[in-house]
Amino acid sequence: MINSIEIINEEGQKVNINIIMQFRIEELNKQYIVYTINDDGISEKIPVLIAETDDENGKYALKKIPENEVKTVLMFYDNVRDTISGKR
């Protein structure tokens, strides 16, 4: 199931994101979201993005992953993706 939500990006534009999955990394005590932006359902190549999520006063916020945490987040995501796809 893919959930679709509308967010406001840093330029103040409304952007539709499709949530593919969410996960939490306990060691970092943070939650993350894997998503696509403005997927038209037709394109063959769709960028998949990952962002840290934060609940700011009941509003869902996406945050850039700090550089020193990127490797850990990508390794965790790769493991989950490969497990789901049966490659592990």
PDB file of N, CA and C in Angstrom:
ATOM      1  N   MET A   1       0.837  -1.183   0.000  1.00  0.00           N
ATOM      2  CA  MET A   1       0.000   0.000   0.000  1.00  0.00           C
ATOM      3  C   MET A   1       0.882   1.245   0.000  1.00  0.00           C
ATOM      4  N   ILE A   2       0.596   2.156  -0.894  1.00  0.00           N
ATOM      5  CA  ILE A   2       1.349   3.396  -0.963  1.00  0.00           C
ATOM      6  C   ILE A   2       0.441   4.526  -0.495  1.00  0.00           C
ATOM      7  N   ASN A   3       0.923   5.266   0.470  1.00  0.00           N
ATOM      8  CA  ASN A   3       0.190   6.423   0.952  1.00  0.00           C
ATOM      9  C   ASN A   3       0.710   7.651   0.238  1.00  0.00           C
ATOM     10  N   SER A   4      -0.179   8.497  -0.145  1.00  0.00           N
ATOM     11  CA  SER A   4       0.185   9.726  -0.830  1.00  0.00           C
ATOM     12  C   SER A   4      -0.209  10.907   0.046  1.00  0.00           C
ATOM     13  N   ILE A   5       0.750  11.817   0.243  1.00  0.00           N
ATOM     14  CA  ILE A   5       0.455  13.020   1.014  1.00  0.00           C
ATOM     15  C   ILE A   5       1.019  14.231   0.292  1.00  0.00           C
ATOM     16  N   GLU A   6       0.472  15.362   0.591  1.00  0.00           N
ATOM     17  CA  GLU A   6       0.958  16.609   0.009  1.00  0.00           C
ATOM     18  C   GLU A   6       1.766  17.359   1.063  1.00  0.00           C
ATOM     19  N   ILE A   7       2.935  17.824   0.664  1.00  0.00           N
ATOM     20  CA  ILE A   7       3.781  18.600   1.565  1.00  0.00           C
ATOM     21  C   ILE A   7       4.139  19.915   0.892  1.00  0.00           C
ATOM     22  N   ILE A   8       4.672  20.819   1.663  1.00  0.00           N
ATOM     23  CA  ILE A   8       5.193  22.082   1.134  1.00  0.00           C
ATOM     24  C   ILE A   8       6.711  21.971   1.168  1.00  0.00           C
ATOM     25  N   ASN A   9       7.352  22.157   0.006  1.00  0.00           N
ATOM     26  CA  ASN A   9       8.808  22.043  -0.026  1.00  0.00           C
ATOM     27  C   ASN A   9       9.464  23.347   0.438  1.00  0.00           C
ATOM     28  N   GLU A  10      10.795  23.374   0.410  1.00  0.00           N
ATOM     29  CA  GLU A  10      11.535  24.537   0.902  1.00  0.00           C
ATOM     30  C   GLU A  10      11.276  25.799   0.092  1.00  0.00           C
ATOM     31  N   GLU A  11      10.825  25.649  -1.167  1.00  0.00           N
ATOM     32  CA  GLU A  11      10.506  26.800  -2.018  1.00  0.00           C
ATOM     33  C   GLU A  11       9.057  27.252  -1.844  1.00  0.00           C
ATOM     34  N   GLY A  12       8.318  26.584  -0.957  1.00  0.00           N
ATOM     35  CA  GLY A  12       6.931  26.947  -0.700  1.00  0.00           C
ATOM     36  C   GLY A  12       5.946  26.352  -1.682  1.00  0.00           C
ATOM     37  N   GLN A  13       6.397  25.403  -2.509  1.00  0.00           N
ATOM     38  CA  GLN A  13       5.536  24.772  -3.502  1.00  0.00           C
ATOM     39  C   GLN A  13       4.903  23.511  -2.920  1.00  0.00           C
ATOM     40  N   LYS A  14       3.657  23.229  -3.341  1.00  0.00           N
ATOM     41  CA  LYS A  14       2.999  22.002  -2.928  1.00  0.00           C
ATOM     42  C   LYS A  14       3.563  20.853  -3.750  1.00  0.00           C
ATOM     43  N   VAL A  15       3.931  19.777  -3.070  1.00  0.00           N
ATOM     44  CA  VAL A  15       4.530  18.615  -3.720  1.00  0.00           C
ATOM     45  C   VAL A  15       3.825  17.363  -3.208  1.00  0.00           C
ATOM     46  N   ASN A  16       3.474  16.476  -4.130  1.00  0.00           N
ATOM     47  CA  ASN A  16       2.843  15.218  -3.765  1.00  0.00           C
ATOM     48  C   ASN A  16       3.927  14.162  -3.603  1.00  0.00           C
ATOM     49  N   ILE A  17       3.977  13.516  -2.432  1.00  0.00           N
ATOM     50  CA  ILE A  17       4.934  12.426  -2.235  1.00  0.00           C
ATOM     51  C   ILE A  17       4.174  11.131  -1.993  1.00  0.00           C
ATOM     52  N   ASN A  18       4.731  10.057  -2.517  1.00  0.00           N
ATOM     53  CA  ASN A  18       4.168   8.727  -2.332  1.00  0.00           C
ATOM     54  C   ASN A  18       5.074   7.972  -1.378  1.00  0.00           C
ATOM     55  N   ILE A  19       4.555   7.609  -0.235  1.00  0.00           N
ATOM     56  CA  ILE A  19       5.330   6.907   0.782  1.00  0.00           C
ATOM     57  C   ILE A  19       5.414   5.429   0.413  1.00  0.00           C
ATOM     58  N   ILE A  20       6.640   4.949   0.281  1.00  0.00           N
ATOM     59  CA  ILE A  20       6.863   3.543  -0.029  1.00  0.00           C
ATOM     60  C   ILE A  20       6.985   2.746   1.260  1.00  0.00           C
ATOM     61  N   MET A  21       7.771   3.261   2.191  1.00  0.00           N
ATOM     62  CA  MET A  21       7.943   2.577   3.474  1.00  0.00           C
ATOM     63  C   MET A  21       8.502   3.542   4.500  1.00  0.00           C
ATOM     64  N   GLN A  22       8.375   3.160   5.756  1.00  0.00           N
ATOM     65  CA  GLN A  22       8.948   3.911   6.854  1.00  0.00           C
ATOM     66  C   GLN A  22       9.727   2.944   7.720  1.00  0.00           C
ATOM     67  N   PHE A  23      10.790   3.415   8.346  1.00  0.00           N
ATOM     68  CA  PHE A  23      11.549   2.574   9.256  1.00  0.00           C
ATOM     69  C   PHE A  23      12.202   3.427  10.332  1.00  0.00           C
ATOM     70  N   ARG A  24      12.619   2.745  11.382  1.00  0.00           N
ATOM     71  CA  ARG A  24      13.261   3.404  12.514  1.00  0.00           C
ATOM     72  C   ARG A  24      14.601   2.739  12.763  1.00  0.00           C
ATOM     73  N   ILE A  25      15.616   3.556  13.038  1.00  0.00           N
ATOM     74  CA  ILE A  25      16.925   3.044  13.413  1.00  0.00           C
ATOM     75  C   ILE A  25      17.115   3.386  14.881  1.00  0.00           C
ATOM     76  N   GLU A  26      17.052   2.352  15.707  1.00  0.00           N
ATOM     77  CA  GLU A  26      17.111   2.540  17.163  1.00  0.00           C
ATOM     78  C   GLU A  26      18.420   3.187  17.618  1.00  0.00           C
ATOM     79  N   GLU A  27      19.548   2.783  16.992  1.00  0.00           N
ATOM     80  CA  GLU A  27      20.843   3.328  17.417  1.00  0.00           C
ATOM     81  C   GLU A  27      20.909   4.851  17.265  1.00  0.00           C
ATOM     82  N   LEU A  28      20.197   5.371  16.275  1.00  0.00           N
ATOM     83  CA  LEU A  28      20.171   6.818  16.039  1.00  0.00           C
ATOM     84  C   LEU A  28      18.964   7.475  16.711  1.00  0.00           C
ATOM     85  N   ASN A  29      18.019   6.651  17.169  1.00  0.00           N
ATOM     86  CA  ASN A  29      16.778   7.139  17.776  1.00  0.00           C
ATOM     87  C   ASN A  29      16.022   8.074  16.821  1.00  0.00           C
ATOM     88  N   LYS A  30      15.947   7.648  15.529  1.00  0.00           N
ATOM     89  CA  LYS A  30      15.300   8.464  14.506  1.00  0.00           C
ATOM     90  C   LYS A  30      14.452   7.600  13.590  1.00  0.00           C
ATOM     91  N   GLN A  31      13.466   8.252  12.964  1.00  0.00           N
ATOM     92  CA  GLN A  31      12.584   7.601  12.001  1.00  0.00           C
ATOM     93  C   GLN A  31      12.879   8.154  10.618  1.00  0.00           C
ATOM     94  N   TYR A  32      12.638   7.296   9.608  1.00  0.00           N
ATOM     95  CA  TYR A  32      12.928   7.670   8.227  1.00  0.00           C
ATOM     96  C   TYR A  32      11.772   7.268   7.332  1.00  0.00           C
ATOM     97  N   ILE A  33      11.710   7.914   6.175  1.00  0.00           N
ATOM     98  CA  ILE A  33      10.673   7.632   5.198  1.00  0.00           C
ATOM     99  C   ILE A  33      11.349   7.425   3.846  1.00  0.00           C
ATOM    100  N   VAL A  34      10.878   6.417   3.111  1.00  0.00           N
ATOM    101  CA  VAL A  34      11.325   6.164   1.744  1.00  0.00           C
ATOM    102  C   VAL A  34      10.154   6.582   0.860  1.00  0.00           C
ATOM    103  N   TYR A  35      10.418   7.439  -0.130  1.00  0.00           N
ATOM    104  CA  TYR A  35       9.317   8.019  -0.890  1.00  0.00           C
ATOM    105  C   TYR A  35       9.727   8.410  -2.308  1.00  0.00           C
ATOM    106  N   THR A  36       8.725   8.700  -3.126  1.00  0.00           N
ATOM    107  CA  THR A  36       8.928   9.267  -4.452  1.00  0.00           C
ATOM    108  C   THR A  36       8.213  10.616  -4.485  1.00  0.00           C
ATOM    109  N   ILE A  37       8.617  11.451  -5.422  1.00  0.00           N
ATOM    110  CA  ILE A  37       8.001  12.774  -5.571  1.00  0.00           C
ATOM    111  C   ILE A  37       7.284  12.864  -6.909  1.00  0.00           C
ATOM    112  N   ASN A  38       6.039  13.325  -6.859  1.00  0.00           N
ATOM    113  CA  ASN A  38       5.247  13.568  -8.067  1.00  0.00           C
ATOM    114  C   ASN A  38       5.311  12.418  -9.067  1.00  0.00           C
ATOM    115  N   ASP A  39       5.159  11.192  -8.589  1.00  0.00           N
ATOM    116  CA  ASP A  39       5.167  10.021  -9.471  1.00  0.00           C
ATOM    117  C   ASP A  39       3.932  10.065 -10.357  1.00  0.00           C
ATOM    118  N   ASP A  40       4.146  10.095 -11.677  1.00  0.00           N
ATOM    119  CA  ASP A  40       3.025  10.175 -12.612  1.00  0.00           C
ATOM    120  C   ASP A  40       2.433   8.809 -12.952  1.00  0.00           C
ATOM    121  N   GLY A  41       3.075   7.739 -12.468  1.00  0.00           N
ATOM    122  CA  GLY A  41       2.578   6.400 -12.728  1.00  0.00           C
ATOM    123  C   GLY A  41       2.887   5.891 -14.121  1.00  0.00           C
ATOM    124  N   ILE A  42       3.575   6.687 -14.928  1.00  0.00           N
ATOM    125  CA  ILE A  42       3.875   6.320 -16.308  1.00  0.00           C
ATOM    126  C   ILE A  42       5.378   6.152 -16.530  1.00  0.00           C
ATOM    127  N   SER A  43       6.166   7.011 -15.930  1.00  0.00           N
ATOM    128  CA  SER A  43       7.613   7.005 -16.138  1.00  0.00           C
ATOM    129  C   SER A  43       8.229   5.688 -15.701  1.00  0.00           C
ATOM    130  N   GLU A  44       9.242   5.235 -16.481  1.00  0.00           N
ATOM    131  CA  GLU A  44       9.919   3.985 -16.149  1.00  0.00           C
ATOM    132  C   GLU A  44      10.919   4.166 -15.018  1.00  0.00           C
ATOM    133  N   LYS A  45      11.564   5.305 -14.969  1.00  0.00           N
ATOM    134  CA  LYS A  45      12.547   5.567 -13.919  1.00  0.00           C
ATOM    135  C   LYS A  45      11.992   6.612 -12.960  1.00  0.00           C
ATOM    136  N   ILE A  46      11.941   6.220 -11.697  1.00  0.00           N
ATOM    137  CA  ILE A  46      11.414   7.115 -10.667  1.00  0.00           C
ATOM    138  C   ILE A  46      12.438   7.180  -9.545  1.00  0.00           C
ATOM    139  N   PRO A  47      12.920   8.373  -9.216  1.00  0.00           N
ATOM    140  CA  PRO A  47      13.877   8.463  -8.110  1.00  0.00           C
ATOM    141  C   PRO A  47      13.207   8.106  -6.781  1.00  0.00           C
ATOM    142  N   VAL A  48      13.904   7.290  -6.006  1.00  0.00           N
ATOM    143  CA  VAL A  48      13.447   6.926  -4.670  1.00  0.00           C
ATOM    144  C   VAL A  48      14.324   7.693  -3.695  1.00  0.00           C
ATOM    145  N   LEU A  49      13.693   8.392  -2.766  1.00  0.00           N
ATOM    146  CA  LEU A  49      14.398   9.251  -1.828  1.00  0.00           C
ATOM    147  C   LEU A  49      14.177   8.780  -0.397  1.00  0.00           C
ATOM    148  N   ILE A  50      15.122   9.138   0.466  1.00  0.00           N
ATOM    149  CA  ILE A  50      15.006   8.819   1.887  1.00  0.00           C
ATOM    150  C   ILE A  50      15.230  10.108   2.675  1.00  0.00           C
ATOM    151  N   ALA A  51      14.402  10.341   3.660  1.00  0.00           N
ATOM    152  CA  ALA A  51      14.554  11.518   4.517  1.00  0.00           C
ATOM    153  C   ALA A  51      14.247  11.135   5.956  1.00  0.00           C
ATOM    154  N   GLU A  52      14.828  11.883   6.864  1.00  0.00           N
ATOM    155  CA  GLU A  52      14.490  11.734   8.272  1.00  0.00           C
ATOM    156  C   GLU A  52      13.123  12.378   8.469  1.00  0.00           C
ATOM    157  N   THR A  53      12.316  11.806   9.329  1.00  0.00           N
ATOM    158  CA  THR A  53      11.008  12.396   9.607  1.00  0.00           C
ATOM    159  C   THR A  53      10.974  12.914  11.032  1.00  0.00           C
ATOM    160  N   ASP A  54      10.174  13.927  11.218  1.00  0.00           N
ATOM    161  CA  ASP A  54      10.048  14.537  12.530  1.00  0.00           C
ATOM    162  C   ASP A  54       8.614  15.003  12.699  1.00  0.00           C
ATOM    163  N   ASP A  55       8.121  14.855  13.887  1.00  0.00           N
ATOM    164  CA  ASP A  55       6.776  15.317  14.213  1.00  0.00           C
ATOM    165  C   ASP A  55       6.923  16.635  14.963  1.00  0.00           C
ATOM    166  N   GLU A  56       6.678  17.721  14.262  1.00  0.00           N
ATOM    167  CA  GLU A  56       6.795  19.047  14.865  1.00  0.00           C
ATOM    168  C   GLU A  56       5.401  19.590  15.159  1.00  0.00           C
ATOM    169  N   ASN A  57       5.019  19.514  16.423  1.00  0.00           N
ATOM    170  CA  ASN A  57       3.708  20.007  16.867  1.00  0.00           C
ATOM    171  C   ASN A  57       2.565  19.385  16.075  1.00  0.00           C
ATOM    172  N   GLY A  58       2.658  18.083  15.846  1.00  0.00           N
ATOM    173  CA  GLY A  58       1.596  17.394  15.137  1.00  0.00           C
ATOM    174  C   GLY A  58       1.678  17.498  13.634  1.00  0.00           C
ATOM    175  N   LYS A  59       2.699  18.150  13.087  1.00  0.00           N
ATOM    176  CA  LYS A  59       2.864  18.272  11.641  1.00  0.00           C
ATOM    177  C   LYS A  59       4.048  17.422  11.213  1.00  0.00           C
ATOM    178  N   TYR A  60       3.870  16.737  10.103  1.00  0.00           N
ATOM    179  CA  TYR A  60       4.861  15.834   9.563  1.00  0.00           C
ATOM    180  C   TYR A  60       5.928  16.644   8.827  1.00  0.00           C
ATOM    181  N   ALA A  61       7.194  16.523   9.224  1.00  0.00           N
ATOM    182  CA  ALA A  61       8.280  17.264   8.577  1.00  0.00           C
ATOM    183  C   ALA A  61       9.338  16.298   8.067  1.00  0.00           C
ATOM    184  N   LEU A  62       9.863  16.575   6.880  1.00  0.00           N
ATOM    185  CA  LEU A  62      10.964  15.811   6.324  1.00  0.00           C
ATOM    186  C   LEU A  62      12.239  16.610   6.527  1.00  0.00           C
ATOM    187  N   LYS A  63      13.284  15.907   6.967  1.00  0.00           N
ATOM    188  CA  LYS A  63      14.547  16.569   7.240  1.00  0.00           C
ATOM    189  C   LYS A  63      15.671  15.861   6.492  1.00  0.00           C
ATOM    190  N   LYS A  64      16.645  16.629   6.070  1.00  0.00           N
ATOM    191  CA  LYS A  64      17.811  16.060   5.405  1.00  0.00           C
ATOM    192  C   LYS A  64      18.582  15.208   6.406  1.00  0.00           C
ATOM    193  N   ILE A  65      19.069  14.069   5.949  1.00  0.00           N
ATOM    194  CA  ILE A  65      19.843  13.176   6.808  1.00  0.00           C
ATOM    195  C   ILE A  65      21.238  13.766   6.985  1.00  0.00           C
ATOM    196  N   PRO A  66      21.702  13.940   8.223  1.00  0.00           N
ATOM    197  CA  PRO A  66      23.043  14.477   8.451  1.00  0.00           C
ATOM    198  C   PRO A  66      24.104  13.603   7.778  1.00  0.00           C
ATOM    199  N   GLU A  67      25.107  14.232   7.225  1.00  0.00           N
ATOM    200  CA  GLU A  67      26.147  13.534   6.464  1.00  0.00           C
ATOM    201  C   GLU A  67      26.770  12.371   7.235  1.00  0.00           C
ATOM    202  N   ASN A  68      26.983  12.548   8.532  1.00  0.00           N
ATOM    203  CA  ASN A  68      27.620  11.500   9.324  1.00  0.00           C
ATOM    204  C   ASN A  68      26.699  10.302   9.591  1.00  0.00           C
ATOM    205  N   GLU A  69      25.416  10.385   9.200  1.00  0.00           N
ATOM    206  CA  GLU A  69      24.468   9.293   9.392  1.00  0.00           C
ATOM    207  C   GLU A  69      24.049   8.625   8.079  1.00  0.00           C
ATOM    208  N   VAL A  70      24.446   9.199   6.959  1.00  0.00           N
ATOM    209  CA  VAL A  70      24.001   8.707   5.656  1.00  0.00           C
ATOM    210  C   VAL A  70      24.383   7.242   5.437  1.00  0.00           C
ATOM    211  N   LYS A  71      25.617   6.879   5.709  1.00  0.00           N
ATOM    212  CA  LYS A  71      26.079   5.507   5.482  1.00  0.00           C
ATOM    213  C   LYS A  71      25.249   4.510   6.290  1.00  0.00           C
ATOM    214  N   THR A  72      24.997   4.801   7.544  1.00  0.00           N
ATOM    215  CA  THR A  72      24.202   3.917   8.407  1.00  0.00           C
ATOM    216  C   THR A  72      22.783   3.759   7.869  1.00  0.00           C
ATOM    217  N   VAL A  73      22.167   4.870   7.473  1.00  0.00           N
ATOM    218  CA  VAL A  73      20.790   4.841   6.966  1.00  0.00           C
ATOM    219  C   VAL A  73      20.716   4.044   5.671  1.00  0.00           C
ATOM    220  N   LEU A  74      21.663   4.261   4.753  1.00  0.00           N
ATOM    221  CA  LEU A  74      21.645   3.539   3.483  1.00  0.00           C
ATOM    222  C   LEU A  74      21.888   2.046   3.673  1.00  0.00           C
ATOM    223  N   MET A  75      22.775   1.674   4.585  1.00  0.00           N
ATOM    224  CA  MET A  75      23.014   0.260   4.859  1.00  0.00           C
ATOM    225  C   MET A  75      21.756  -0.396   5.422  1.00  0.00           C
ATOM    226  N   PHE A  76      21.069   0.298   6.331  1.00  0.00           N
ATOM    227  CA  PHE A  76      19.834  -0.229   6.910  1.00  0.00           C
ATOM    228  C   PHE A  76      18.778  -0.391   5.815  1.00  0.00           C
ATOM    229  N   TYR A  77      18.606   0.638   4.984  1.00  0.00           N
ATOM    230  CA  TYR A  77      17.624   0.589   3.895  1.00  0.00           C
ATOM    231  C   TYR A  77      17.951  -0.544   2.922  1.00  0.00           C
ATOM    232  N   ASP A  78      19.215  -0.676   2.521  1.00  0.00           N
ATOM    233  CA  ASP A  78      19.617  -1.735   1.593  1.00  0.00           C
ATOM    234  C   ASP A  78      19.268  -3.105   2.158  1.00  0.00           C
ATOM    235  N   ASN A  79      19.495  -3.298   3.448  1.00  0.00           N
ATOM    236  CA  ASN A  79      19.180  -4.568   4.095  1.00  0.00           C
ATOM    237  C   ASN A  79      17.676  -4.844   4.053  1.00  0.00           C
ATOM    238  N   VAL A  80      16.878  -3.846   4.400  1.00  0.00           N
ATOM    239  CA  VAL A  80      15.409  -4.003   4.375  1.00  0.00           C
ATOM    240  C   VAL A  80      14.927  -4.261   2.954  1.00  0.00           C
ATOM    241  N   ARG A  81      15.412  -3.476   2.003  1.00  0.00           N
ATOM    242  CA  ARG A  81      14.999  -3.634   0.590  1.00  0.00           C
ATOM    243  C   ARG A  81      15.330  -5.028   0.080  1.00  0.00           C
ATOM    244  N   ASP A  82      16.551  -5.491   0.353  1.00  0.00           N
ATOM    245  CA  ASP A  82      16.965  -6.806  -0.122  1.00  0.00           C
ATOM    246  C   ASP A  82      16.182  -7.930   0.547  1.00  0.00           C
ATOM    247  N   THR A  83      15.851  -7.757   1.820  1.00  0.00           N
ATOM    248  CA  THR A  83      15.056  -8.754   2.531  1.00  0.00           C
ATOM    249  C   THR A  83      13.657  -8.848   1.932  1.00  0.00           C
ATOM    250  N   ILE A  84      13.052  -7.699   1.677  1.00  0.00           N
ATOM    251  CA  ILE A  84      11.694  -7.668   1.104  1.00  0.00           C
ATOM    252  C   ILE A  84      11.682  -8.245  -0.308  1.00  0.00           C
ATOM    253  N   SER A  85      12.690  -7.932  -1.101  1.00  0.00           N
ATOM    254  CA  SER A  85      12.735  -8.390  -2.492  1.00  0.00           C
ATOM    255  C   SER A  85      13.213  -9.835  -2.626  1.00  0.00           C
ATOM    256  N   GLY A  86      13.668 -10.438  -1.518  1.00  0.00           N
ATOM    257  CA  GLY A  86      14.119 -11.815  -1.546  1.00  0.00           C
ATOM    258  C   GLY A  86      15.555 -11.990  -2.005  1.00  0.00           C
ATOM    259  N   LYS A  87      16.317 -10.918  -2.038  1.00  0.00           N
ATOM    260  CA  LYS A  87      17.710 -10.995  -2.479  1.00  0.00           C
ATOM    261  C   LYS A  87      18.652 -11.387  -1.346  1.00  0.00           C
ATOM    262  N   ARG A  88      18.122 -11.546  -0.137  1.00  0.00           N
ATOM    263  CA  ARG A  88      18.947 -11.963   1.011  1.00  0.00           C
ATOM    264  C   ARG A  88      18.443 -13.267   1.529  1.00  0.00           C
TER     265      ARG A  88
END
